[in-house]
Amino acid sequence: MERYGQEDLKKFLRFYLAPGYGHGTDGNFIIVSDFLHALDTWVEEGMAPGTLTVTDRNPQTAGRTRPLYAYPGYPVYSGSGDLDDAQNYREGKM
């Protein structure tokens, strides 16, 4: 960030944290989303990805969703509604 500055860095880089996600097929939250579409839209149409929604494919908890926010954002439960529904989360900041 020191080399480019926050605004210039956002022109070509996004970093997303997925709480509970393990590497590969491990972890409490095994995410699936159309990340390639988000990247393709950024490259081909100039529309950088914003908040992404991921779906859990862990056999014990399949179907729950979470929002992913670009760093330094992260999902925070809003305090009401279904914990397994992405729409019931807001963006927190690190």
PDB file of N, CA and C in Angstrom:
ATOM      1  N   MET A   1       0.832  -1.180   0.000  1.00  0.00           N
ATOM      2  CA  MET A   1       0.000   0.000   0.000  1.00  0.00           C
ATOM      3  C   MET A   1       0.881   1.249   0.000  1.00  0.00           C
ATOM      4  N   GLU A   2       2.024   1.180   0.643  1.00  0.00           N
ATOM      5  CA  GLU A   2       2.907   2.347   0.684  1.00  0.00           C
ATOM      6  C   GLU A   2       3.380   2.734  -0.709  1.00  0.00           C
ATOM      7  N   ARG A   3       3.621   1.755  -1.555  1.00  0.00           N
ATOM      8  CA  ARG A   3       4.145   2.033  -2.892  1.00  0.00           C
ATOM      9  C   ARG A   3       3.114   2.716  -3.789  1.00  0.00           C
ATOM     10  N   TYR A   4       1.855   2.244  -3.744  1.00  0.00           N
ATOM     11  CA  TYR A   4       0.833   2.740  -4.658  1.00  0.00           C
ATOM     12  C   TYR A   4      -0.174   3.691  -4.026  1.00  0.00           C
ATOM     13  N   GLY A   5      -0.408   3.550  -2.744  1.00  0.00           N
ATOM     14  CA  GLY A   5      -1.465   4.321  -2.103  1.00  0.00           C
ATOM     15  C   GLY A   5      -2.778   3.572  -2.213  1.00  0.00           C
ATOM     16  N   GLN A   6      -3.670   3.791  -1.283  1.00  0.00           N
ATOM     17  CA  GLN A   6      -4.935   3.041  -1.207  1.00  0.00           C
ATOM     18  C   GLN A   6      -5.782   3.165  -2.473  1.00  0.00           C
ATOM     19  N   GLU A   7      -5.969   4.357  -2.984  1.00  0.00           N
ATOM     20  CA  GLU A   7      -6.844   4.533  -4.153  1.00  0.00           C
ATOM     21  C   GLU A   7      -6.265   3.906  -5.413  1.00  0.00           C
ATOM     22  N   ASP A   8      -4.972   4.062  -5.660  1.00  0.00           N
ATOM     23  CA  ASP A   8      -4.367   3.438  -6.837  1.00  0.00           C
ATOM     24  C   ASP A   8      -4.372   1.920  -6.724  1.00  0.00           C
ATOM     25  N   LEU A   9      -4.155   1.410  -5.521  1.00  0.00           N
ATOM     26  CA  LEU A   9      -4.156  -0.030  -5.302  1.00  0.00           C
ATOM     27  C   LEU A   9      -5.527  -0.627  -5.623  1.00  0.00           C
ATOM     28  N   LYS A  10      -6.600   0.065  -5.267  1.00  0.00           N
ATOM     29  CA  LYS A  10      -7.955  -0.425  -5.516  1.00  0.00           C
ATOM     30  C   LYS A  10      -8.281  -0.521  -7.005  1.00  0.00           C
ATOM     31  N   LYS A  11      -7.472   0.096  -7.858  1.00  0.00           N
ATOM     32  CA  LYS A  11      -7.718   0.031  -9.295  1.00  0.00           C
ATOM     33  C   LYS A  11      -7.391  -1.340  -9.878  1.00  0.00           C
ATOM     34  N   PHE A  12      -6.527  -2.109  -9.185  1.00  0.00           N
ATOM     35  CA  PHE A  12      -6.122  -3.387  -9.752  1.00  0.00           C
ATOM     36  C   PHE A  12      -6.064  -4.551  -8.758  1.00  0.00           C
ATOM     37  N   LEU A  13      -6.449  -4.335  -7.506  1.00  0.00           N
ATOM     38  CA  LEU A  13      -6.330  -5.397  -6.515  1.00  0.00           C
ATOM     39  C   LEU A  13      -7.508  -5.413  -5.556  1.00  0.00           C
ATOM     40  N   ARG A  14      -8.016  -6.602  -5.273  1.00  0.00           N
ATOM     41  CA  ARG A  14      -9.021  -6.813  -4.230  1.00  0.00           C
ATOM     42  C   ARG A  14      -8.571  -8.021  -3.414  1.00  0.00           C
ATOM     43  N   PHE A  15      -8.780  -7.956  -2.092  1.00  0.00           N
ATOM     44  CA  PHE A  15      -8.452  -9.064  -1.199  1.00  0.00           C
ATOM     45  C   PHE A  15      -9.662  -9.317  -0.325  1.00  0.00           C
ATOM     46  N   TYR A  16     -10.114 -10.560  -0.293  1.00  0.00           N
ATOM     47  CA  TYR A  16     -11.300 -10.928   0.476  1.00  0.00           C
ATOM     48  C   TYR A  16     -10.934 -11.975   1.523  1.00  0.00           C
ATOM     49  N   LEU A  17     -11.395 -11.774   2.747  1.00  0.00           N
ATOM     50  CA  LEU A  17     -11.247 -12.764   3.799  1.00  0.00           C
ATOM     51  C   LEU A  17     -12.552 -13.536   3.924  1.00  0.00           C
ATOM     52  N   ALA A  18     -12.451 -14.853   4.048  1.00  0.00           N
ATOM     53  CA  ALA A  18     -13.634 -15.702   4.208  1.00  0.00           C
ATOM     54  C   ALA A  18     -13.557 -16.372   5.578  1.00  0.00           C
ATOM     55  N   PRO A  19     -14.199 -15.795   6.598  1.00  0.00           N
ATOM     56  CA  PRO A  19     -14.154 -16.374   7.942  1.00  0.00           C
ATOM     57  C   PRO A  19     -14.678 -17.808   7.958  1.00  0.00           C
ATOM     58  N   GLY A  20     -13.912 -18.697   8.607  1.00  0.00           N
ATOM     59  CA  GLY A  20     -14.307 -20.089   8.717  1.00  0.00           C
ATOM     60  C   GLY A  20     -13.870 -20.958   7.551  1.00  0.00           C
ATOM     61  N   TYR A  21     -13.316 -20.342   6.516  1.00  0.00           N
ATOM     62  CA  TYR A  21     -12.907 -21.101   5.335  1.00  0.00           C
ATOM     63  C   TYR A  21     -11.519 -21.681   5.559  1.00  0.00           C
ATOM     64  N   GLY A  22     -11.377 -22.986   5.311  1.00  0.00           N
ATOM     65  CA  GLY A  22     -10.081 -23.639   5.374  1.00  0.00           C
ATOM     66  C   GLY A  22      -9.490 -23.739   3.985  1.00  0.00           C
ATOM     67  N   HIS A  23      -8.252 -24.108   3.901  1.00  0.00           N
ATOM     68  CA  HIS A  23      -7.616 -24.285   2.591  1.00  0.00           C
ATOM     69  C   HIS A  23      -8.132 -25.564   1.944  1.00  0.00           C
ATOM     70  N   GLY A  24      -8.413 -25.511   0.680  1.00  0.00           N
ATOM     71  CA  GLY A  24      -8.900 -26.678  -0.036  1.00  0.00           C
ATOM     72  C   GLY A  24     -10.311 -27.032   0.378  1.00  0.00           C
ATOM     73  N   THR A  25     -10.497 -28.259   0.837  1.00  0.00           N
ATOM     74  CA  THR A  25     -11.835 -28.712   1.200  1.00  0.00           C
ATOM     75  C   THR A  25     -12.014 -28.815   2.713  1.00  0.00           C
ATOM     76  N   ASP A  26     -11.119 -28.231   3.488  1.00  0.00           N
ATOM     77  CA  ASP A  26     -11.218 -28.270   4.942  1.00  0.00           C
ATOM     78  C   ASP A  26     -11.839 -26.990   5.462  1.00  0.00           C
ATOM     79  N   GLY A  27     -12.300 -27.037   6.688  1.00  0.00           N
ATOM     80  CA  GLY A  27     -12.837 -25.843   7.321  1.00  0.00           C
ATOM     81  C   GLY A  27     -14.320 -25.970   7.598  1.00  0.00           C
ATOM     82  N   ASN A  28     -14.819 -25.056   8.400  1.00  0.00           N
ATOM     83  CA  ASN A  28     -16.227 -25.048   8.774  1.00  0.00           C
ATOM     84  C   ASN A  28     -17.110 -24.496   7.672  1.00  0.00           C
ATOM     85  N   PHE A  29     -16.538 -23.684   6.815  1.00  0.00           N
ATOM     86  CA  PHE A  29     -17.310 -23.041   5.755  1.00  0.00           C
ATOM     87  C   PHE A  29     -16.568 -23.277   4.448  1.00  0.00           C
ATOM     88  N   ILE A  30     -17.100 -24.130   3.617  1.00  0.00           N
ATOM     89  CA  ILE A  30     -16.470 -24.454   2.334  1.00  0.00           C
ATOM     90  C   ILE A  30     -17.206 -23.642   1.272  1.00  0.00           C
ATOM     91  N   ILE A  31     -16.572 -22.587   0.793  1.00  0.00           N
ATOM     92  CA  ILE A  31     -17.265 -21.623  -0.050  1.00  0.00           C
ATOM     93  C   ILE A  31     -17.265 -21.999  -1.530  1.00  0.00           C
ATOM     94  N   VAL A  32     -18.333 -21.580  -2.170  1.00  0.00           N
ATOM     95  CA  VAL A  32     -18.446 -21.684  -3.617  1.00  0.00           C
ATOM     96  C   VAL A  32     -19.122 -20.399  -4.094  1.00  0.00           C
ATOM     97  N   SER A  33     -18.595 -19.856  -5.169  1.00  0.00           N
ATOM     98  CA  SER A  33     -19.157 -18.650  -5.776  1.00  0.00           C
ATOM     99  C   SER A  33     -18.614 -18.559  -7.193  1.00  0.00           C
ATOM    100  N   ASP A  34     -19.152 -17.663  -7.963  1.00  0.00           N
ATOM    101  CA  ASP A  34     -18.686 -17.482  -9.335  1.00  0.00           C
ATOM    102  C   ASP A  34     -17.611 -16.391  -9.362  1.00  0.00           C
ATOM    103  N   PHE A  35     -16.462 -16.706  -8.772  1.00  0.00           N
ATOM    104  CA  PHE A  35     -15.365 -15.736  -8.709  1.00  0.00           C
ATOM    105  C   PHE A  35     -14.835 -15.401 -10.094  1.00  0.00           C
ATOM    106  N   LEU A  36     -14.835 -16.371 -10.984  1.00  0.00           N
ATOM    107  CA  LEU A  36     -14.345 -16.135 -12.345  1.00  0.00           C
ATOM    108  C   LEU A  36     -15.198 -15.094 -13.059  1.00  0.00           C
ATOM    109  N   HIS A  37     -16.507 -15.136 -12.857  1.00  0.00           N
ATOM    110  CA  HIS A  37     -17.389 -14.140 -13.464  1.00  0.00           C
ATOM    111  C   HIS A  37     -17.063 -12.741 -12.939  1.00  0.00           C
ATOM    112  N   ALA A  38     -16.842 -12.630 -11.630  1.00  0.00           N
ATOM    113  CA  ALA A  38     -16.497 -11.329 -11.048  1.00  0.00           C
ATOM    114  C   ALA A  38     -15.195 -10.791 -11.641  1.00  0.00           C
ATOM    115  N   LEU A  39     -14.202 -11.659 -11.794  1.00  0.00           N
ATOM    116  CA  LEU A  39     -12.926 -11.251 -12.374  1.00  0.00           C
ATOM    117  C   LEU A  39     -13.081 -10.901 -13.853  1.00  0.00           C
ATOM    118  N   ASP A  40     -13.820 -11.707 -14.572  1.00  0.00           N
ATOM    119  CA  ASP A  40     -14.043 -11.477 -15.995  1.00  0.00           C
ATOM    120  C   ASP A  40     -14.768 -10.142 -16.223  1.00  0.00           C
ATOM    121  N   THR A  41     -15.760  -9.843 -15.404  1.00  0.00           N
ATOM    122  CA  THR A  41     -16.495  -8.582 -15.514  1.00  0.00           C
ATOM    123  C   THR A  41     -15.565  -7.395 -15.253  1.00  0.00           C
ATOM    124  N   TRP A  42     -14.658  -7.551 -14.302  1.00  0.00           N
ATOM    125  CA  TRP A  42     -13.700  -6.482 -13.993  1.00  0.00           C
ATOM    126  C   TRP A  42     -12.781  -6.239 -15.185  1.00  0.00           C
ATOM    127  N   VAL A  43     -12.248  -7.316 -15.752  1.00  0.00           N
ATOM    128  CA  VAL A  43     -11.297  -7.189 -16.860  1.00  0.00           C
ATOM    129  C   VAL A  43     -11.988  -6.734 -18.143  1.00  0.00           C
ATOM    130  N   GLU A  44     -13.097  -7.360 -18.482  1.00  0.00           N
ATOM    131  CA  GLU A  44     -13.753  -7.103 -19.762  1.00  0.00           C
ATOM    132  C   GLU A  44     -14.622  -5.847 -19.777  1.00  0.00           C
ATOM    133  N   GLU A  45     -15.249  -5.516 -18.628  1.00  0.00           N
ATOM    134  CA  GLU A  45     -16.185  -4.398 -18.602  1.00  0.00           C
ATOM    135  C   GLU A  45     -15.753  -3.254 -17.696  1.00  0.00           C
ATOM    136  N   GLY A  46     -14.631  -3.437 -17.009  1.00  0.00           N
ATOM    137  CA  GLY A  46     -14.123  -2.382 -16.140  1.00  0.00           C
ATOM    138  C   GLY A  46     -14.907  -2.198 -14.847  1.00  0.00           C
ATOM    139  N   MET A  47     -15.740  -3.190 -14.487  1.00  0.00           N
ATOM    140  CA  MET A  47     -16.531  -3.101 -13.253  1.00  0.00           C
ATOM    141  C   MET A  47     -15.863  -3.933 -12.167  1.00  0.00           C
ATOM    142  N   ALA A  48     -15.177  -3.255 -11.244  1.00  0.00           N
ATOM    143  CA  ALA A  48     -14.473  -3.941 -10.168  1.00  0.00           C
ATOM    144  C   ALA A  48     -15.464  -4.651  -9.247  1.00  0.00           C
ATOM    145  N   PRO A  49     -15.075  -5.810  -8.705  1.00  0.00           N
ATOM    146  CA  PRO A  49     -15.985  -6.517  -7.802  1.00  0.00           C
ATOM    147  C   PRO A  49     -16.171  -5.749  -6.502  1.00  0.00           C
ATOM    148  N   GLY A  50     -17.374  -5.817  -5.977  1.00  0.00           N
ATOM    149  CA  GLY A  50     -17.677  -5.218  -4.683  1.00  0.00           C
ATOM    150  C   GLY A  50     -17.900  -6.336  -3.691  1.00  0.00           C
ATOM    151  N   THR A  51     -19.036  -6.314  -3.036  1.00  0.00           N
ATOM    152  CA  THR A  51     -19.387  -7.375  -2.109  1.00  0.00           C
ATOM    153  C   THR A  51     -19.751  -8.630  -2.894  1.00  0.00           C
ATOM    154  N   LEU A  52     -19.175  -9.748  -2.507  1.00  0.00           N
ATOM    155  CA  LEU A  52     -19.469 -11.031  -3.135  1.00  0.00           C
ATOM    156  C   LEU A  52     -20.287 -11.868  -2.167  1.00  0.00           C
ATOM    157  N   THR A  53     -21.166 -12.692  -2.669  1.00  0.00           N
ATOM    158  CA  THR A  53     -21.926 -13.612  -1.824  1.00  0.00           C
ATOM    159  C   THR A  53     -21.457 -15.025  -2.114  1.00  0.00           C
ATOM    160  N   VAL A  54     -21.136 -15.749  -1.055  1.00  0.00           N
ATOM    161  CA  VAL A  54     -20.677 -17.130  -1.189  1.00  0.00           C
ATOM    162  C   VAL A  54     -21.681 -18.065  -0.526  1.00  0.00           C
ATOM    163  N   THR A  55     -21.714 -19.297  -1.022  1.00  0.00           N
ATOM    164  CA  THR A  55     -22.593 -20.333  -0.491  1.00  0.00           C
ATOM    165  C   THR A  55     -21.741 -21.453   0.080  1.00  0.00           C
ATOM    166  N   ASP A  56     -22.155 -21.993   1.218  1.00  0.00           N
ATOM    167  CA  ASP A  56     -21.455 -23.084   1.883  1.00  0.00           C
ATOM    168  C   ASP A  56     -21.797 -24.405   1.213  1.00  0.00           C
ATOM    169  N   ARG A  57     -20.788 -25.220   0.959  1.00  0.00           N
ATOM    170  CA  ARG A  57     -21.036 -26.558   0.411  1.00  0.00           C
ATOM    171  C   ARG A  57     -20.561 -27.654   1.363  1.00  0.00           C
ATOM    172  N   ASN A  58     -20.320 -27.292   2.629  1.00  0.00           N
ATOM    173  CA  ASN A  58     -20.014 -28.270   3.658  1.00  0.00           C
ATOM    174  C   ASN A  58     -21.251 -29.156   3.831  1.00  0.00           C
ATOM    175  N   PRO A  59     -21.113 -30.483   3.764  1.00  0.00           N
ATOM    176  CA  PRO A  59     -22.289 -31.353   3.840  1.00  0.00           C
ATOM    177  C   PRO A  59     -23.157 -31.130   5.085  1.00  0.00           C
ATOM    178  N   GLN A  60     -22.561 -30.773   6.206  1.00  0.00           N
ATOM    179  CA  GLN A  60     -23.343 -30.578   7.430  1.00  0.00           C
ATOM    180  C   GLN A  60     -24.106 -29.254   7.449  1.00  0.00           C
ATOM    181  N   THR A  61     -23.654 -28.280   6.691  1.00  0.00           N
ATOM    182  CA  THR A  61     -24.254 -26.937   6.761  1.00  0.00           C
ATOM    183  C   THR A  61     -24.530 -26.348   5.384  1.00  0.00           C
ATOM    184  N   ALA A  62     -24.628 -27.184   4.380  1.00  0.00           N
ATOM    185  CA  ALA A  62     -24.776 -26.727   2.993  1.00  0.00           C
ATOM    186  C   ALA A  62     -25.948 -25.766   2.827  1.00  0.00           C
ATOM    187  N   GLY A  63     -25.709 -24.749   2.022  1.00  0.00           N
ATOM    188  CA  GLY A  63     -26.762 -23.803   1.687  1.00  0.00           C
ATOM    189  C   GLY A  63     -26.692 -22.476   2.409  1.00  0.00           C
ATOM    190  N   ARG A  64     -25.975 -22.405   3.525  1.00  0.00           N
ATOM    191  CA  ARG A  64     -25.896 -21.108   4.202  1.00  0.00           C
ATOM    192  C   ARG A  64     -25.054 -20.164   3.347  1.00  0.00           C
ATOM    193  N   THR A  65     -25.314 -18.888   3.456  1.00  0.00           N
ATOM    194  CA  THR A  65     -24.613 -17.900   2.643  1.00  0.00           C
ATOM    195  C   THR A  65     -23.968 -16.847   3.532  1.00  0.00           C
ATOM    196  N   ARG A  66     -22.934 -16.209   2.993  1.00  0.00           N
ATOM    197  CA  ARG A  66     -22.258 -15.116   3.675  1.00  0.00           C
ATOM    198  C   ARG A  66     -21.817 -14.091   2.630  1.00  0.00           C
ATOM    199  N   PRO A  67     -21.788 -12.826   3.024  1.00  0.00           N
ATOM    200  CA  PRO A  67     -21.194 -11.831   2.138  1.00  0.00           C
ATOM    201  C   PRO A  67     -19.686 -11.799   2.356  1.00  0.00           C
ATOM    202  N   LEU A  68     -18.959 -11.517   1.305  1.00  0.00           N
ATOM    203  CA  LEU A  68     -17.521 -11.260   1.429  1.00  0.00           C
ATOM    204  C   LEU A  68     -17.297  -9.820   1.036  1.00  0.00           C
ATOM    205  N   TYR A  69     -16.601  -9.100   1.886  1.00  0.00           N
ATOM    206  CA  TYR A  69     -16.293  -7.693   1.641  1.00  0.00           C
ATOM    207  C   TYR A  69     -14.805  -7.555   1.344  1.00  0.00           C
ATOM    208  N   ALA A  70     -14.467  -6.644   0.454  1.00  0.00           N
ATOM    209  CA  ALA A  70     -13.058  -6.402   0.158  1.00  0.00           C
ATOM    210  C   ALA A  70     -12.367  -5.891   1.417  1.00  0.00           C
ATOM    211  N   TYR A  71     -11.151  -6.370   1.653  1.00  0.00           N
ATOM    212  CA  TYR A  71     -10.355  -5.949   2.801  1.00  0.00           C
ATOM    213  C   TYR A  71     -10.238  -4.428   2.802  1.00  0.00           C
ATOM    214  N   PRO A  72     -10.423  -3.802   3.925  1.00  0.00           N
ATOM    215  CA  PRO A  72     -10.402  -4.297   5.296  1.00  0.00           C
ATOM    216  C   PRO A  72     -11.781  -4.649   5.846  1.00  0.00           C
ATOM    217  N   GLY A  73     -12.763  -4.862   4.987  1.00  0.00           N
ATOM    218  CA  GLY A  73     -14.098  -5.222   5.449  1.00  0.00           C
ATOM    219  C   GLY A  73     -14.215  -6.700   5.781  1.00  0.00           C
ATOM    220  N   TYR A  74     -15.191  -7.038   6.617  1.00  0.00           N
ATOM    221  CA  TYR A  74     -15.495  -8.418   6.954  1.00  0.00           C
ATOM    222  C   TYR A  74     -16.956  -8.494   7.399  1.00  0.00           C
ATOM    223  N   PRO A  75     -17.592  -9.674   7.273  1.00  0.00           N
ATOM    224  CA  PRO A  75     -19.007  -9.791   7.615  1.00  0.00           C
ATOM    225  C   PRO A  75     -19.242  -9.786   9.123  1.00  0.00           C
ATOM    226  N   VAL A  76     -20.242  -9.002   9.547  1.00  0.00           N
ATOM    227  CA  VAL A  76     -20.652  -8.931  10.955  1.00  0.00           C
ATOM    228  C   VAL A  76     -22.159  -9.159  10.992  1.00  0.00           C
ATOM    229  N   TYR A  77     -22.588 -10.093  11.813  1.00  0.00           N
ATOM    230  CA  TYR A  77     -24.011 -10.378  11.947  1.00  0.00           C
ATOM    231  C   TYR A  77     -24.723  -9.130  12.449  1.00  0.00           C
ATOM    232  N   SER A  78     -25.844  -8.790  11.822  1.00  0.00           N
ATOM    233  CA  SER A  78     -26.565  -7.553  12.160  1.00  0.00           C
ATOM    234  C   SER A  78     -27.336  -7.647  13.474  1.00  0.00           C
ATOM    235  N   GLY A  79     -27.500  -8.851  13.989  1.00  0.00           N
ATOM    236  CA  GLY A  79     -28.185  -9.011  15.268  1.00  0.00           C
ATOM    237  C   GLY A  79     -29.606  -9.517  15.156  1.00  0.00           C
ATOM    238  N   SER A  80     -30.127  -9.605  13.939  1.00  0.00           N
ATOM    239  CA  SER A  80     -31.478 -10.154  13.769  1.00  0.00           C
ATOM    240  C   SER A  80     -31.562 -10.901  12.448  1.00  0.00           C
ATOM    241  N   GLY A  81     -32.474 -11.843  12.390  1.00  0.00           N
ATOM    242  CA  GLY A  81     -32.634 -12.634  11.186  1.00  0.00           C
ATOM    243  C   GLY A  81     -31.814 -13.916  11.239  1.00  0.00           C
ATOM    244  N   ASP A  82     -31.944 -14.692  10.207  1.00  0.00           N
ATOM    245  CA  ASP A  82     -31.298 -15.994  10.097  1.00  0.00           C
ATOM    246  C   ASP A  82     -29.782 -15.841   9.991  1.00  0.00           C
ATOM    247  N   LEU A  83     -29.036 -16.510  10.882  1.00  0.00           N
ATOM    248  CA  LEU A  83     -27.569 -16.482  10.836  1.00  0.00           C
ATOM    249  C   LEU A  83     -27.015 -17.063   9.538  1.00  0.00           C
ATOM    250  N   ASP A  84     -27.789 -17.890   8.874  1.00  0.00           N
ATOM    251  CA  ASP A  84     -27.326 -18.569   7.672  1.00  0.00           C
ATOM    252  C   ASP A  84     -27.657 -17.817   6.381  1.00  0.00           C
ATOM    253  N   ASP A  85     -28.124 -16.581   6.486  1.00  0.00           N
ATOM    254  CA  ASP A  85     -28.524 -15.790   5.327  1.00  0.00           C
ATOM    255  C   ASP A  85     -27.642 -14.546   5.205  1.00  0.00           C
ATOM    256  N   ALA A  86     -26.953 -14.408   4.089  1.00  0.00           N
ATOM    257  CA  ALA A  86     -26.023 -13.305   3.868  1.00  0.00           C
ATOM    258  C   ALA A  86     -26.639 -11.928   4.036  1.00  0.00           C
ATOM    259  N   GLN A  87     -27.927 -11.790   3.769  1.00  0.00           N
ATOM    260  CA  GLN A  87     -28.554 -10.474   3.857  1.00  0.00           C
ATOM    261  C   GLN A  87     -28.648  -9.957   5.284  1.00  0.00           C
ATOM    262  N   ASN A  88     -28.386 -10.814   6.276  1.00  0.00           N
ATOM    263  CA  ASN A  88     -28.468 -10.405   7.675  1.00  0.00           C
ATOM    264  C   ASN A  88     -27.117 -10.038   8.255  1.00  0.00           C
ATOM    265  N   TYR A  89     -26.190  -9.683   7.384  1.00  0.00           N
ATOM    266  CA  TYR A  89     -24.851  -9.261   7.791  1.00  0.00           C
ATOM    267  C   TYR A  89     -24.570  -7.859   7.264  1.00  0.00           C
ATOM    268  N   ARG A  90     -23.698  -7.174   7.939  1.00  0.00           N
ATOM    269  CA  ARG A  90     -23.241  -5.850   7.509  1.00  0.00           C
ATOM    270  C   ARG A  90     -21.721  -5.864   7.460  1.00  0.00           C
ATOM    271  N   GLU A  91     -21.165  -4.839   6.900  1.00  0.00           N
ATOM    272  CA  GLU A  91     -19.711  -4.766   6.768  1.00  0.00           C
ATOM    273  C   GLU A  91     -19.079  -4.175   8.019  1.00  0.00           C
ATOM    274  N   GLY A  92     -18.136  -4.914   8.584  1.00  0.00           N
ATOM    275  CA  GLY A  92     -17.304  -4.407   9.663  1.00  0.00           C
ATOM    276  C   GLY A  92     -15.962  -3.989   9.074  1.00  0.00           C
ATOM    277  N   LYS A  93     -15.207  -3.204   9.792  1.00  0.00           N
ATOM    278  CA  LYS A  93     -13.887  -2.747   9.326  1.00  0.00           C
ATOM    279  C   LYS A  93     -12.810  -3.148  10.314  1.00  0.00           C
ATOM    280  N   MET A  94     -11.696  -3.598   9.790  1.00  0.00           N
ATOM    281  CA  MET A  94     -10.551  -3.945  10.648  1.00  0.00           C
ATOM    282  C   MET A  94      -9.802  -2.699  11.031  1.00  0.00           C
TER     283      MET A  94
END
